[in-house]
Amino acid sequence: MWFAYVAFFKILFDGLFAARVREVEQLPAGRAPLASLPEKTEAAPPPKVEPVVPNNDAALALLALFQREGRLIDFLEQDIAGFGDADIGAAVRVVHEGCRRALRTHVTIAPVRSEDEGARVTIAPGDAAPEQVTLTGNVGGKGPYTGTLRHRGWKATSLSLPEAAPGHDAHLLAAAEVEL
């Protein structure tokens, strides 16, 4: 009984063993050339693939544009805890205007979902790629899901960054300024 149990699972999970058993089963009675059947060989390990180091120059170029047009890095690096709301609001307007101008000049964006925020939407399996819609709240089962659209999402449809000059260091986001 134990052998039958072991053989069942070996056949179920070992394709080469199952093929060998099938060949033996189809031989005429009294003939079982087990020695001539191929032995199970270990598969060669998959070749090691070195990870590709991403080129971050485009991201750094966009960050440099946000700094140049809206002083974004200056704003984010500033400790604003000691400033009043009016001062912060005035600074945010300048940063917002400049960064928005840089974004609209160099990136074309579109919403992921076309419905208005707050609208009831139904997401059926296969409607959207999983990375395009994040389900929140009481998520269970396989769908379809019906809920309220809280954020339409954004996707870039085009990107046009200025071409870097030869020898340009993309890591230099803004040069230091020295007044003489």
N, C-alpha and C. Protein backbone atom coordinates (compact mmCIF):
# COMPACT_ATOMS: atom_id res chain seq x y z
N MET A 1 0.82 -1.19 0.00
CA MET A 1 0.00 0.00 0.00
C MET A 1 0.88 1.26 0.00
N TRP A 2 1.95 1.23 0.81
CA TRP A 2 2.84 2.38 0.89
C TRP A 2 3.47 2.66 -0.48
N PHE A 3 3.91 1.62 -1.18
CA PHE A 3 4.52 1.79 -2.49
C PHE A 3 3.54 2.45 -3.48
N ALA A 4 2.30 2.03 -3.45
CA ALA A 4 1.28 2.61 -4.33
C ALA A 4 1.09 4.10 -4.02
N TYR A 5 1.10 4.44 -2.76
CA TYR A 5 0.95 5.84 -2.34
C TYR A 5 2.12 6.68 -2.85
N VAL A 6 3.35 6.17 -2.64
CA VAL A 6 4.54 6.89 -3.08
C VAL A 6 4.57 7.00 -4.60
N ALA A 7 4.27 5.90 -5.30
CA ALA A 7 4.28 5.91 -6.76
C ALA A 7 3.25 6.89 -7.31
N PHE A 8 2.07 6.95 -6.68
CA PHE A 8 1.04 7.89 -7.14
C PHE A 8 1.56 9.32 -7.15
N PHE A 9 2.17 9.74 -6.03
CA PHE A 9 2.64 11.12 -5.95
C PHE A 9 3.88 11.36 -6.80
N LYS A 10 4.72 10.34 -6.96
CA LYS A 10 5.89 10.47 -7.82
C LYS A 10 5.43 10.66 -9.28
N ILE A 11 4.42 9.90 -9.69
CA ILE A 11 3.87 10.05 -11.04
C ILE A 11 3.21 11.42 -11.20
N LEU A 12 2.55 11.87 -10.17
CA LEU A 12 1.83 13.14 -10.22
C LEU A 12 2.78 14.33 -10.34
N PHE A 13 3.93 14.28 -9.65
CA PHE A 13 4.80 15.45 -9.60
C PHE A 13 6.11 15.31 -10.35
N ASP A 14 6.39 14.17 -10.95
CA ASP A 14 7.64 13.96 -11.69
C ASP A 14 7.28 13.49 -13.09
N GLY A 15 7.29 14.41 -14.04
CA GLY A 15 6.88 14.12 -15.40
C GLY A 15 7.71 13.06 -16.08
N LEU A 16 9.03 13.07 -15.86
CA LEU A 16 9.90 12.08 -16.48
C LEU A 16 9.60 10.68 -15.93
N PHE A 17 9.39 10.58 -14.62
CA PHE A 17 9.04 9.29 -14.02
C PHE A 17 7.70 8.81 -14.57
N ALA A 18 6.74 9.73 -14.71
CA ALA A 18 5.42 9.36 -15.24
C ALA A 18 5.55 8.85 -16.67
N ALA A 19 6.41 9.47 -17.47
CA ALA A 19 6.60 9.02 -18.85
C ALA A 19 7.23 7.63 -18.88
N ARG A 20 8.18 7.37 -17.98
CA ARG A 20 8.80 6.05 -17.92
C ARG A 20 7.78 4.99 -17.52
N VAL A 21 6.93 5.29 -16.55
CA VAL A 21 5.89 4.34 -16.13
C VAL A 21 4.94 4.08 -17.29
N ARG A 22 4.59 5.10 -18.04
CA ARG A 22 3.68 4.95 -19.18
C ARG A 22 4.28 4.03 -20.25
N GLU A 23 5.60 4.21 -20.52
CA GLU A 23 6.27 3.36 -21.49
C GLU A 23 6.26 1.90 -21.04
N VAL A 24 6.55 1.67 -19.76
CA VAL A 24 6.55 0.30 -19.23
C VAL A 24 5.16 -0.29 -19.31
N GLU A 25 4.16 0.51 -19.02
CA GLU A 25 2.78 0.03 -19.03
C GLU A 25 2.37 -0.42 -20.43
N GLN A 26 2.89 0.23 -21.46
CA GLN A 26 2.49 -0.09 -22.83
C GLN A 26 3.29 -1.24 -23.45
N LEU A 27 4.32 -1.74 -22.77
CA LEU A 27 5.11 -2.86 -23.29
C LEU A 27 4.30 -4.15 -23.18
N PRO A 28 4.58 -5.13 -24.08
CA PRO A 28 3.91 -6.43 -23.97
C PRO A 28 4.27 -7.09 -22.63
N ALA A 29 3.41 -7.95 -22.15
CA ALA A 29 3.61 -8.61 -20.86
C ALA A 29 4.93 -9.35 -20.84
N GLY A 30 5.64 -9.32 -19.71
CA GLY A 30 6.90 -10.02 -19.54
C GLY A 30 8.10 -9.27 -20.08
N ARG A 31 7.92 -8.14 -20.69
CA ARG A 31 9.05 -7.40 -21.26
C ARG A 31 9.10 -6.02 -20.62
N ALA A 32 10.17 -5.73 -19.90
CA ALA A 32 10.31 -4.43 -19.24
C ALA A 32 11.75 -3.98 -19.27
N PRO A 33 12.18 -3.36 -20.36
CA PRO A 33 13.59 -2.94 -20.49
C PRO A 33 13.88 -1.66 -19.71
N LEU A 34 13.81 -1.73 -18.38
CA LEU A 34 14.03 -0.54 -17.56
C LEU A 34 15.42 0.03 -17.74
N ALA A 35 16.40 -0.83 -18.00
CA ALA A 35 17.77 -0.34 -18.13
C ALA A 35 17.94 0.54 -19.36
N SER A 36 17.09 0.34 -20.39
CA SER A 36 17.25 1.13 -21.61
C SER A 36 16.52 2.47 -21.54
N LEU A 37 15.70 2.66 -20.52
CA LEU A 37 14.99 3.92 -20.41
C LEU A 37 15.92 4.99 -19.84
N PRO A 38 15.76 6.22 -20.28
CA PRO A 38 16.66 7.27 -19.79
C PRO A 38 16.44 7.53 -18.31
N GLU A 39 17.52 7.75 -17.63
CA GLU A 39 17.44 8.10 -16.21
C GLU A 39 17.09 9.58 -16.09
N LYS A 40 16.50 9.91 -14.98
CA LYS A 40 16.17 11.30 -14.73
C LYS A 40 17.46 12.10 -14.59
N THR A 41 17.55 13.18 -15.31
CA THR A 41 18.71 14.05 -15.20
C THR A 41 18.29 15.36 -14.59
N GLU A 42 19.17 15.92 -13.84
CA GLU A 42 18.89 17.22 -13.21
C GLU A 42 18.99 18.30 -14.28
N ALA A 43 18.03 19.19 -14.27
CA ALA A 43 18.05 20.30 -15.21
C ALA A 43 19.16 21.26 -14.82
N ALA A 44 19.80 21.82 -15.81
CA ALA A 44 20.86 22.79 -15.55
C ALA A 44 20.23 24.04 -14.93
N PRO A 45 20.90 24.63 -13.98
CA PRO A 45 20.33 25.84 -13.39
C PRO A 45 20.24 26.94 -14.44
N PRO A 46 19.23 27.79 -14.32
CA PRO A 46 19.11 28.86 -15.31
C PRO A 46 20.32 29.78 -15.24
N PRO A 47 20.71 30.34 -16.38
CA PRO A 47 21.88 31.22 -16.37
C PRO A 47 21.60 32.45 -15.49
N LYS A 48 22.63 32.89 -14.80
CA LYS A 48 22.48 34.05 -13.92
C LYS A 48 22.38 35.31 -14.78
N VAL A 49 21.35 36.06 -14.55
CA VAL A 49 21.12 37.28 -15.31
C VAL A 49 21.49 38.46 -14.41
N GLU A 50 22.40 39.25 -14.88
CA GLU A 50 22.80 40.43 -14.12
C GLU A 50 21.71 41.50 -14.23
N PRO A 51 21.35 42.12 -13.11
CA PRO A 51 20.33 43.16 -13.18
C PRO A 51 20.82 44.35 -14.00
N VAL A 52 19.90 44.94 -14.72
CA VAL A 52 20.22 46.11 -15.54
C VAL A 52 20.15 47.34 -14.65
N VAL A 53 21.20 48.11 -14.65
CA VAL A 53 21.22 49.33 -13.86
C VAL A 53 20.46 50.40 -14.65
N PRO A 54 19.39 50.95 -14.05
CA PRO A 54 18.60 51.92 -14.80
C PRO A 54 19.36 53.22 -14.99
N ASN A 55 19.08 53.88 -16.10
CA ASN A 55 19.65 55.19 -16.36
C ASN A 55 18.68 56.22 -15.80
N ASN A 56 19.10 56.91 -14.78
CA ASN A 56 18.24 57.87 -14.09
C ASN A 56 18.37 59.28 -14.63
N ASP A 57 19.08 59.46 -15.73
CA ASP A 57 19.32 60.81 -16.23
C ASP A 57 18.03 61.57 -16.53
N ALA A 58 17.03 60.90 -17.09
CA ALA A 58 15.77 61.60 -17.42
C ALA A 58 15.06 62.07 -16.15
N ALA A 59 15.04 61.23 -15.12
CA ALA A 59 14.41 61.63 -13.86
C ALA A 59 15.15 62.81 -13.25
N LEU A 60 16.47 62.77 -13.29
CA LEU A 60 17.27 63.87 -12.74
C LEU A 60 17.08 65.14 -13.56
N ALA A 61 16.95 65.00 -14.87
CA ALA A 61 16.72 66.17 -15.72
C ALA A 61 15.38 66.82 -15.39
N LEU A 62 14.35 66.02 -15.17
CA LEU A 62 13.04 66.57 -14.81
C LEU A 62 13.10 67.25 -13.44
N LEU A 63 13.81 66.64 -12.50
CA LEU A 63 13.97 67.25 -11.18
C LEU A 63 14.72 68.58 -11.30
N ALA A 64 15.74 68.63 -12.14
CA ALA A 64 16.47 69.88 -12.37
C ALA A 64 15.56 70.94 -12.97
N LEU A 65 14.66 70.54 -13.89
CA LEU A 65 13.70 71.50 -14.46
C LEU A 65 12.76 72.04 -13.38
N PHE A 66 12.29 71.17 -12.49
CA PHE A 66 11.42 71.63 -11.40
C PHE A 66 12.17 72.59 -10.48
N GLN A 67 13.46 72.37 -10.30
CA GLN A 67 14.25 73.29 -9.48
C GLN A 67 14.42 74.61 -10.20
N ARG A 68 14.77 74.55 -11.48
CA ARG A 68 15.02 75.78 -12.23
C ARG A 68 13.76 76.63 -12.37
N GLU A 69 12.64 75.99 -12.69
CA GLU A 69 11.40 76.73 -12.93
C GLU A 69 10.62 77.06 -11.66
N GLY A 70 10.66 76.16 -10.66
CA GLY A 70 9.82 76.38 -9.49
C GLY A 70 10.54 76.34 -8.16
N ARG A 71 11.87 76.17 -8.20
CA ARG A 71 12.66 76.11 -6.96
C ARG A 71 12.13 75.01 -6.02
N LEU A 72 11.72 73.88 -6.61
CA LEU A 72 11.10 72.79 -5.84
C LEU A 72 12.05 72.22 -4.78
N ILE A 73 13.29 71.97 -5.15
CA ILE A 73 14.23 71.39 -4.19
C ILE A 73 14.47 72.37 -3.05
N ASP A 74 14.62 73.65 -3.37
CA ASP A 74 14.81 74.65 -2.32
C ASP A 74 13.64 74.62 -1.34
N PHE A 75 12.43 74.54 -1.89
CA PHE A 75 11.24 74.52 -1.04
C PHE A 75 11.20 73.26 -0.17
N LEU A 76 11.45 72.11 -0.77
CA LEU A 76 11.38 70.85 -0.02
C LEU A 76 12.49 70.74 1.03
N GLU A 77 13.64 71.31 0.76
CA GLU A 77 14.76 71.24 1.71
C GLU A 77 14.67 72.31 2.81
N GLN A 78 13.80 73.28 2.65
CA GLN A 78 13.63 74.34 3.65
C GLN A 78 12.83 73.82 4.83
N ASP A 79 13.27 74.12 6.05
CA ASP A 79 12.50 73.78 7.25
C ASP A 79 11.41 74.84 7.40
N ILE A 80 10.17 74.47 7.16
CA ILE A 80 9.09 75.45 7.17
C ILE A 80 8.33 75.50 8.49
N ALA A 81 8.81 74.76 9.49
CA ALA A 81 8.10 74.70 10.78
C ALA A 81 7.97 76.07 11.42
N GLY A 82 8.94 76.95 11.25
CA GLY A 82 8.91 78.26 11.89
C GLY A 82 8.18 79.33 11.11
N PHE A 83 7.71 79.02 9.91
CA PHE A 83 7.04 80.03 9.08
C PHE A 83 5.53 79.99 9.32
N GLY A 84 4.90 81.14 9.15
CA GLY A 84 3.45 81.23 9.28
C GLY A 84 2.76 80.69 8.03
N ASP A 85 1.48 80.40 8.17
CA ASP A 85 0.72 79.87 7.03
C ASP A 85 0.71 80.80 5.84
N ALA A 86 0.65 82.10 6.07
CA ALA A 86 0.62 83.07 4.96
C ALA A 86 1.94 83.02 4.18
N ASP A 87 3.06 82.92 4.91
CA ASP A 87 4.37 82.85 4.24
C ASP A 87 4.50 81.56 3.44
N ILE A 88 4.06 80.46 4.03
CA ILE A 88 4.11 79.17 3.33
C ILE A 88 3.21 79.20 2.10
N GLY A 89 2.02 79.77 2.25
CA GLY A 89 1.09 79.86 1.13
C GLY A 89 1.67 80.66 -0.02
N ALA A 90 2.35 81.77 0.29
CA ALA A 90 2.96 82.60 -0.76
C ALA A 90 4.08 81.82 -1.47
N ALA A 91 4.87 81.08 -0.70
CA ALA A 91 5.96 80.30 -1.30
C ALA A 91 5.40 79.17 -2.17
N VAL A 92 4.35 78.53 -1.69
CA VAL A 92 3.75 77.43 -2.44
C VAL A 92 3.21 77.92 -3.77
N ARG A 93 2.64 79.09 -3.82
CA ARG A 93 2.13 79.63 -5.09
C ARG A 93 3.25 79.76 -6.13
N VAL A 94 4.41 80.25 -5.70
CA VAL A 94 5.54 80.41 -6.62
C VAL A 94 6.05 79.05 -7.08
N VAL A 95 6.21 78.11 -6.15
CA VAL A 95 6.69 76.77 -6.48
C VAL A 95 5.69 76.07 -7.40
N HIS A 96 4.41 76.17 -7.07
CA HIS A 96 3.37 75.53 -7.87
C HIS A 96 3.36 76.06 -9.29
N GLU A 97 3.41 77.36 -9.45
CA GLU A 97 3.36 77.97 -10.77
C GLU A 97 4.55 77.53 -11.63
N GLY A 98 5.75 77.56 -11.07
CA GLY A 98 6.94 77.19 -11.83
C GLY A 98 6.97 75.71 -12.18
N CYS A 99 6.66 74.86 -11.20
CA CYS A 99 6.68 73.41 -11.46
C CYS A 99 5.59 73.01 -12.43
N ARG A 100 4.44 73.64 -12.33
CA ARG A 100 3.35 73.33 -13.26
C ARG A 100 3.75 73.72 -14.68
N ARG A 101 4.40 74.86 -14.83
CA ARG A 101 4.86 75.30 -16.15
C ARG A 101 5.87 74.30 -16.71
N ALA A 102 6.82 73.86 -15.89
CA ALA A 102 7.82 72.88 -16.35
C ALA A 102 7.15 71.56 -16.73
N LEU A 103 6.22 71.11 -15.92
CA LEU A 103 5.53 69.85 -16.20
C LEU A 103 4.77 69.93 -17.52
N ARG A 104 4.01 70.99 -17.68
CA ARG A 104 3.20 71.12 -18.91
C ARG A 104 4.05 71.34 -20.15
N THR A 105 5.23 71.88 -19.99
CA THR A 105 6.12 72.10 -21.13
C THR A 105 6.77 70.81 -21.59
N HIS A 106 7.10 69.92 -20.65
CA HIS A 106 7.91 68.77 -20.99
C HIS A 106 7.22 67.42 -20.90
N VAL A 107 6.06 67.35 -20.25
CA VAL A 107 5.36 66.07 -20.09
C VAL A 107 3.90 66.26 -20.46
N THR A 108 3.39 65.36 -21.28
CA THR A 108 1.96 65.34 -21.56
C THR A 108 1.37 64.26 -20.67
N ILE A 109 0.39 64.66 -19.85
CA ILE A 109 -0.22 63.70 -18.94
C ILE A 109 -1.70 63.57 -19.26
N ALA A 110 -2.24 62.43 -18.89
CA ALA A 110 -3.67 62.16 -19.10
C ALA A 110 -4.16 61.34 -17.90
N PRO A 111 -5.44 61.46 -17.59
CA PRO A 111 -5.96 60.65 -16.48
C PRO A 111 -6.03 59.18 -16.88
N VAL A 112 -5.87 58.30 -15.88
CA VAL A 112 -5.99 56.86 -16.11
C VAL A 112 -7.46 56.50 -16.33
N ARG A 113 -8.35 57.07 -15.52
CA ARG A 113 -9.79 56.83 -15.64
C ARG A 113 -10.45 58.10 -16.16
N SER A 114 -11.44 57.96 -17.02
CA SER A 114 -12.10 59.12 -17.61
C SER A 114 -13.26 59.65 -16.77
N GLU A 115 -13.75 58.85 -15.83
CA GLU A 115 -14.90 59.27 -15.02
C GLU A 115 -14.48 60.38 -14.05
N ASP A 116 -15.46 61.16 -13.59
CA ASP A 116 -15.20 62.20 -12.60
C ASP A 116 -14.93 61.56 -11.24
N GLU A 117 -14.08 62.20 -10.45
CA GLU A 117 -13.86 61.71 -9.10
C GLU A 117 -15.16 61.80 -8.33
N GLY A 118 -15.46 60.77 -7.55
CA GLY A 118 -16.71 60.68 -6.82
C GLY A 118 -17.76 59.84 -7.54
N ALA A 119 -17.51 59.52 -8.81
CA ALA A 119 -18.47 58.72 -9.58
C ALA A 119 -18.40 57.26 -9.15
N ARG A 120 -19.51 56.54 -9.30
CA ARG A 120 -19.55 55.09 -9.04
C ARG A 120 -19.00 54.39 -10.28
N VAL A 121 -18.06 53.49 -10.08
CA VAL A 121 -17.45 52.77 -11.19
C VAL A 121 -17.45 51.27 -10.88
N THR A 122 -17.46 50.48 -11.94
CA THR A 122 -17.36 49.03 -11.80
C THR A 122 -16.11 48.58 -12.51
N ILE A 123 -15.29 47.83 -11.80
CA ILE A 123 -14.05 47.30 -12.35
C ILE A 123 -14.24 45.79 -12.49
N ALA A 124 -14.38 45.35 -13.72
CA ALA A 124 -14.52 43.91 -13.99
C ALA A 124 -13.14 43.30 -14.16
N PRO A 125 -12.98 42.02 -13.87
CA PRO A 125 -11.69 41.38 -14.10
C PRO A 125 -11.26 41.57 -15.55
N GLY A 126 -10.03 42.03 -15.75
CA GLY A 126 -9.52 42.25 -17.09
C GLY A 126 -9.82 43.62 -17.66
N ASP A 127 -10.61 44.46 -16.94
CA ASP A 127 -10.91 45.82 -17.42
C ASP A 127 -9.66 46.67 -17.52
N ALA A 128 -8.80 46.58 -16.53
CA ALA A 128 -7.60 47.40 -16.50
C ALA A 128 -6.45 46.58 -15.96
N ALA A 129 -5.26 46.95 -16.36
CA ALA A 129 -4.07 46.28 -15.82
C ALA A 129 -4.04 46.53 -14.32
N PRO A 130 -3.63 45.54 -13.54
CA PRO A 130 -3.65 45.69 -12.08
C PRO A 130 -2.89 46.92 -11.58
N GLU A 131 -1.83 47.32 -12.28
CA GLU A 131 -1.07 48.48 -11.83
C GLU A 131 -1.77 49.81 -12.12
N GLN A 132 -2.84 49.78 -12.92
CA GLN A 132 -3.54 51.02 -13.26
C GLN A 132 -4.64 51.38 -12.28
N VAL A 133 -5.13 50.42 -11.51
CA VAL A 133 -6.22 50.67 -10.56
C VAL A 133 -5.84 50.06 -9.23
N THR A 134 -5.89 50.86 -8.18
CA THR A 134 -5.64 50.37 -6.83
C THR A 134 -6.98 50.27 -6.12
N LEU A 135 -7.32 49.08 -5.68
CA LEU A 135 -8.57 48.88 -4.95
C LEU A 135 -8.28 49.08 -3.46
N THR A 136 -9.12 49.88 -2.80
CA THR A 136 -8.96 50.12 -1.37
C THR A 136 -10.27 49.79 -0.67
N GLY A 137 -10.20 49.68 0.64
CA GLY A 137 -11.41 49.37 1.40
C GLY A 137 -11.56 47.88 1.58
N ASN A 138 -12.81 47.40 1.53
CA ASN A 138 -13.13 45.99 1.76
C ASN A 138 -13.00 45.23 0.45
N VAL A 139 -11.77 44.80 0.14
CA VAL A 139 -11.50 44.11 -1.12
C VAL A 139 -11.50 42.61 -0.85
N GLY A 140 -12.32 41.87 -1.58
CA GLY A 140 -12.37 40.43 -1.44
C GLY A 140 -12.95 39.80 -2.68
N GLY A 141 -12.64 38.56 -2.91
CA GLY A 141 -13.18 37.86 -4.08
C GLY A 141 -12.44 38.23 -5.34
N LYS A 142 -13.07 37.88 -6.47
CA LYS A 142 -12.42 38.08 -7.77
C LYS A 142 -13.07 39.18 -8.60
N GLY A 143 -14.08 39.83 -8.12
CA GLY A 143 -14.72 40.90 -8.89
C GLY A 143 -15.86 40.37 -9.71
N PRO A 144 -16.58 41.20 -10.39
CA PRO A 144 -16.33 42.63 -10.57
C PRO A 144 -16.52 43.40 -9.26
N TYR A 145 -15.82 44.54 -9.19
CA TYR A 145 -15.87 45.40 -8.01
C TYR A 145 -16.59 46.69 -8.38
N THR A 146 -17.45 47.16 -7.50
CA THR A 146 -18.13 48.44 -7.68
C THR A 146 -17.77 49.33 -6.51
N GLY A 147 -17.35 50.54 -6.80
CA GLY A 147 -16.96 51.47 -5.74
C GLY A 147 -16.96 52.90 -6.24
N THR A 148 -16.46 53.78 -5.40
CA THR A 148 -16.40 55.21 -5.71
C THR A 148 -14.99 55.57 -6.16
N LEU A 149 -14.88 56.25 -7.28
CA LEU A 149 -13.58 56.68 -7.80
C LEU A 149 -13.07 57.82 -6.94
N ARG A 150 -12.00 57.59 -6.21
CA ARG A 150 -11.43 58.60 -5.31
C ARG A 150 -10.36 59.43 -6.01
N HIS A 151 -9.63 58.83 -6.94
CA HIS A 151 -8.61 59.55 -7.70
C HIS A 151 -8.53 58.95 -9.09
N ARG A 152 -8.52 59.80 -10.10
CA ARG A 152 -8.53 59.33 -11.49
C ARG A 152 -7.21 58.70 -11.91
N GLY A 153 -6.13 59.02 -11.22
CA GLY A 153 -4.81 58.53 -11.59
C GLY A 153 -4.24 59.36 -12.73
N TRP A 154 -2.94 59.25 -12.93
CA TRP A 154 -2.27 59.98 -14.01
C TRP A 154 -1.32 59.03 -14.73
N LYS A 155 -1.19 59.25 -16.03
CA LYS A 155 -0.18 58.53 -16.81
C LYS A 155 0.46 59.52 -17.77
N ALA A 156 1.73 59.32 -18.03
CA ALA A 156 2.44 60.18 -18.97
C ALA A 156 2.22 59.61 -20.37
N THR A 157 1.79 60.46 -21.28
CA THR A 157 1.60 60.01 -22.66
C THR A 157 2.76 60.42 -23.55
N SER A 158 3.53 61.42 -23.10
CA SER A 158 4.75 61.79 -23.83
C SER A 158 5.68 62.55 -22.90
N LEU A 159 6.96 62.50 -23.23
CA LEU A 159 7.99 63.17 -22.45
C LEU A 159 8.98 63.77 -23.43
N SER A 160 9.27 65.05 -23.28
CA SER A 160 10.25 65.69 -24.15
C SER A 160 11.16 66.55 -23.29
N LEU A 161 12.29 65.98 -22.95
CA LEU A 161 13.26 66.69 -22.12
C LEU A 161 14.34 67.30 -23.01
N PRO A 162 14.92 68.40 -22.56
CA PRO A 162 16.00 68.99 -23.35
C PRO A 162 17.18 68.01 -23.45
N GLU A 163 17.86 68.05 -24.58
CA GLU A 163 19.01 67.17 -24.77
C GLU A 163 20.17 67.70 -23.96
N ALA A 164 20.85 66.81 -23.24
CA ALA A 164 21.98 67.22 -22.41
C ALA A 164 23.19 67.53 -23.27
N ALA A 165 23.92 68.54 -22.85
CA ALA A 165 25.15 68.90 -23.55
C ALA A 165 26.21 67.83 -23.29
N PRO A 166 27.11 67.62 -24.21
CA PRO A 166 28.18 66.63 -24.00
C PRO A 166 28.94 66.95 -22.70
N GLY A 167 29.18 65.91 -21.90
CA GLY A 167 29.91 66.08 -20.66
C GLY A 167 29.06 66.59 -19.50
N HIS A 168 27.76 66.79 -19.73
CA HIS A 168 26.87 67.28 -18.66
C HIS A 168 26.72 66.22 -17.58
N ASP A 169 26.84 66.64 -16.32
CA ASP A 169 26.65 65.75 -15.18
C ASP A 169 25.18 65.82 -14.77
N ALA A 170 24.42 64.76 -15.06
CA ALA A 170 22.98 64.75 -14.76
C ALA A 170 22.71 64.86 -13.27
N HIS A 171 23.68 64.48 -12.44
CA HIS A 171 23.48 64.56 -11.00
C HIS A 171 23.55 65.99 -10.46
N LEU A 172 24.05 66.91 -11.25
CA LEU A 172 24.08 68.33 -10.84
C LEU A 172 22.72 68.93 -11.15
N LEU A 173 21.89 69.11 -10.14
CA LEU A 173 20.51 69.58 -10.32
C LEU A 173 20.44 71.09 -10.41
N ALA A 174 21.29 71.79 -9.68
CA ALA A 174 21.35 73.24 -9.73
C ALA A 174 22.73 73.66 -9.29
N ALA A 175 23.34 74.51 -10.05
CA ALA A 175 24.68 75.00 -9.70
C ALA A 175 24.59 75.94 -8.50
N ALA A 176 25.63 75.98 -7.73
CA ALA A 176 25.68 76.93 -6.63
C ALA A 176 25.80 78.34 -7.21
N GLU A 177 25.22 79.29 -6.55
CA GLU A 177 25.28 80.68 -7.01
C GLU A 177 26.11 81.50 -6.04
N VAL A 178 27.07 82.25 -6.58
CA VAL A 178 27.91 83.11 -5.76
C VAL A 178 27.78 84.51 -6.31
N GLU A 179 27.29 85.42 -5.47
CA GLU A 179 27.16 86.81 -5.90
C GLU A 179 28.46 87.54 -5.58
N LEU A 180 28.96 88.30 -6.54
CA LEU A 180 30.20 89.05 -6.37
C LEU A 180 29.91 90.53 -6.24
